[in-house]
Every structure is written in structure tokens, then in C-alpha cells.
Amino acid sequence: MSRTLAAARARVVVARDRYERLRRRRLGLRDRVAGLEVEVQENRQLQRRVAELTDVVAELLLPVADRDEARVREALADYRSRL
């Protein structure tokens, strides 16, 4: 009977250890997902900023190519007001 009891206790210890490792792993994955979500949001903001800057550059290059100084000043003023 003592062998059976010892074997059962050993199984309980192994089961608890597995449970704790799985629990820590799940918590670790949640933390990693939360961190990735933050990074995705930062990436979206950076992409939006790059798109805005690309638009500004396009707005500036076209009037400069046409030698339209008034449009250049207007585009720069609009850009500065958005900062």
C-alpha cells in the first residue's frame, strides 16, 4: 500500500509541476501578445506619419516643379499648422 501511495504522491507532484509550467507559459504568452499589440499600434502611427509626410512632399514638389511660389507657401503653412 505504501508503494501505491508514494506513486500517487509522485504523480500529484508531477501534475502540479506541469500545471504551474503551463500556467506560467500562458501568462507569458498573454504578456507577449499585449506587447505586440502595443508595437502594432506604434507601427500604425508611424505608417500614418510617413503617409502624411509623403503627401506633404508631393504637395511641395508639384508646385515647385510648376514654379508656383504661392502654392509652395500655402502647402508649407498647411503642413506647419498640422504640427
C-alpha atoms as a PDB file:
ATOM      1  CA  MET A   1       0.000   0.000   0.000  1.00  0.00           C
ATOM      2  CA  SER A   2       2.853   2.424   0.738  1.00  0.00           C
ATOM      3  CA  ARG A   3       4.216   1.970  -2.811  1.00  0.00           C
ATOM      4  CA  THR A   4       0.831   2.834  -4.230  1.00  0.00           C
ATOM      5  CA  LEU A   5       0.570   5.892  -2.005  1.00  0.00           C
ATOM      6  CA  ALA A   6       4.107   7.003  -2.891  1.00  0.00           C
ATOM      7  CA  ALA A   7       3.398   6.561  -6.607  1.00  0.00           C
ATOM      8  CA  ALA A   8       0.184   8.570  -6.289  1.00  0.00           C
ATOM      9  CA  ARG A   9       2.001  11.370  -4.460  1.00  0.00           C
ATOM     10  CA  ALA A  10       4.704  11.412  -7.125  1.00  0.00           C
ATOM     11  CA  ARG A  11       2.028  11.718  -9.818  1.00  0.00           C
ATOM     12  CA  VAL A  12       0.442  14.620  -7.924  1.00  0.00           C
ATOM     13  CA  VAL A  13       3.803  16.411  -7.731  1.00  0.00           C
ATOM     14  CA  VAL A  14       4.392  15.883 -11.463  1.00  0.00           C
ATOM     15  CA  ALA A  15       0.867  17.046 -12.289  1.00  0.00           C
ATOM     16  CA  ARG A  16       1.275  20.206 -10.172  1.00  0.00           C
ATOM     17  CA  ASP A  17       4.613  20.964 -11.805  1.00  0.00           C
ATOM     18  CA  ARG A  18       3.114  20.576 -15.284  1.00  0.00           C
ATOM     19  CA  TYR A  19       0.165  22.749 -14.333  1.00  0.00           C
ATOM     20  CA  GLU A  20       2.415  25.523 -12.984  1.00  0.00           C
ATOM     21  CA  ARG A  21       4.640  25.456 -16.074  1.00  0.00           C
ATOM     22  CA  LEU A  22       1.598  25.609 -18.346  1.00  0.00           C
ATOM     23  CA  ARG A  23       0.097  28.428 -16.299  1.00  0.00           C
ATOM     24  CA  ARG A  24       3.324  30.467 -16.457  1.00  0.00           C
ATOM     25  CA  ARG A  25       3.581  29.834 -20.171  1.00  0.00           C
ATOM     26  CA  ARG A  26       0.033  31.035 -20.772  1.00  0.00           C
ATOM     27  CA  LEU A  27       0.680  34.169 -18.730  1.00  0.00           C
ATOM     28  CA  GLY A  28       3.902  34.706 -20.654  1.00  0.00           C
ATOM     29  CA  LEU A  29       2.051  34.417 -23.953  1.00  0.00           C
ATOM     30  CA  ARG A  30      -0.529  36.939 -22.814  1.00  0.00           C
ATOM     31  CA  ASP A  31       2.240  39.386 -21.924  1.00  0.00           C
ATOM     32  CA  ARG A  32       3.893  38.836 -25.288  1.00  0.00           C
ATOM     33  CA  VAL A  33       0.595  39.382 -27.126  1.00  0.00           C
ATOM     34  CA  ALA A  34      -0.059  42.565 -25.156  1.00  0.00           C
ATOM     35  CA  GLY A  35       3.427  43.817 -26.022  1.00  0.00           C
ATOM     36  CA  LEU A  36       2.921  43.001 -29.677  1.00  0.00           C
ATOM     37  CA  GLU A  37      -0.401  44.850 -29.702  1.00  0.00           C
ATOM     38  CA  VAL A  38       1.359  47.962 -28.388  1.00  0.00           C
ATOM     39  CA  GLU A  39       4.037  47.637 -31.063  1.00  0.00           C
ATOM     40  CA  VAL A  40       1.405  47.199 -33.785  1.00  0.00           C
ATOM     41  CA  GLN A  41      -0.302  50.404 -32.660  1.00  0.00           C
ATOM     42  CA  GLU A  42       3.027  52.272 -32.710  1.00  0.00           C
ATOM     43  CA  ASN A  43       3.691  50.900 -36.192  1.00  0.00           C
ATOM     44  CA  ARG A  44       0.280  52.118 -37.397  1.00  0.00           C
ATOM     45  CA  GLN A  45       1.012  55.601 -36.074  1.00  0.00           C
ATOM     46  CA  LEU A  46       4.407  55.648 -37.777  1.00  0.00           C
ATOM     47  CA  GLN A  47       2.901  54.470 -41.058  1.00  0.00           C
ATOM     48  CA  ARG A  48       0.276  57.208 -40.854  1.00  0.00           C
ATOM     49  CA  ARG A  49       3.008  59.788 -40.216  1.00  0.00           C
ATOM     50  CA  VAL A  50       5.062  58.534 -43.171  1.00  0.00           C
ATOM     51  CA  ALA A  51       1.965  58.757 -45.376  1.00  0.00           C
ATOM     52  CA  GLU A  52       1.339  62.337 -44.220  1.00  0.00           C
ATOM     53  CA  LEU A  53       4.947  63.297 -44.913  1.00  0.00           C
ATOM     54  CA  THR A  54       4.771  61.673 -48.335  1.00  0.00           C
ATOM     55  CA  ASP A  55       1.675  63.744 -49.112  1.00  0.00           C
ATOM     56  CA  VAL A  56       3.429  66.921 -47.975  1.00  0.00           C
ATOM     57  CA  VAL A  57       6.472  66.167 -50.113  1.00  0.00           C
ATOM     58  CA  ALA A  58       4.219  65.528 -53.115  1.00  0.00           C
ATOM     59  CA  GLU A  59       2.339  68.778 -52.458  1.00  0.00           C
ATOM     60  CA  LEU A  60       5.630  70.645 -52.267  1.00  0.00           C
ATOM     61  CA  LEU A  61       7.276  69.066 -55.300  1.00  0.00           C
ATOM     62  CA  LEU A  62       4.425  69.676 -57.708  1.00  0.00           C
ATOM     63  CA  PRO A  63       4.166  73.445 -57.091  1.00  0.00           C
ATOM     64  CA  VAL A  64       7.970  73.802 -57.118  1.00  0.00           C
ATOM     65  CA  ALA A  65       8.085  71.993 -60.445  1.00  0.00           C
ATOM     66  CA  ASP A  66       5.398  74.374 -61.736  1.00  0.00           C
ATOM     67  CA  ARG A  67       7.255  77.333 -60.130  1.00  0.00           C
ATOM     68  CA  ASP A  68       4.125  78.274 -58.182  1.00  0.00           C
ATOM     69  CA  GLU A  69       5.587  80.021 -55.115  1.00  0.00           C
ATOM     70  CA  ALA A  70       2.179  80.884 -53.693  1.00  0.00           C
ATOM     71  CA  ARG A  71       1.163  77.207 -53.606  1.00  0.00           C
ATOM     72  CA  VAL A  72       4.512  76.290 -52.041  1.00  0.00           C
ATOM     73  CA  ARG A  73       3.992  78.814 -49.241  1.00  0.00           C
ATOM     74  CA  GLU A  74       0.390  77.642 -48.792  1.00  0.00           C
ATOM     75  CA  ALA A  75       1.436  73.967 -48.600  1.00  0.00           C
ATOM     76  CA  LEU A  76       4.173  74.756 -46.078  1.00  0.00           C
ATOM     77  CA  ALA A  77       1.797  76.809 -43.962  1.00  0.00           C
ATOM     78  CA  ASP A  78      -0.756  73.981 -44.030  1.00  0.00           C
ATOM     79  CA  TYR A  79       1.909  71.465 -43.017  1.00  0.00           C
ATOM     80  CA  ARG A  80       3.171  73.647 -40.174  1.00  0.00           C
ATOM     81  CA  SER A  81      -0.354  74.165 -38.878  1.00  0.00           C
ATOM     82  CA  ARG A  82      -0.831  70.390 -38.621  1.00  0.00           C
ATOM     83  CA  LEU A  83       2.254  70.000 -36.432  1.00  0.00           C
END
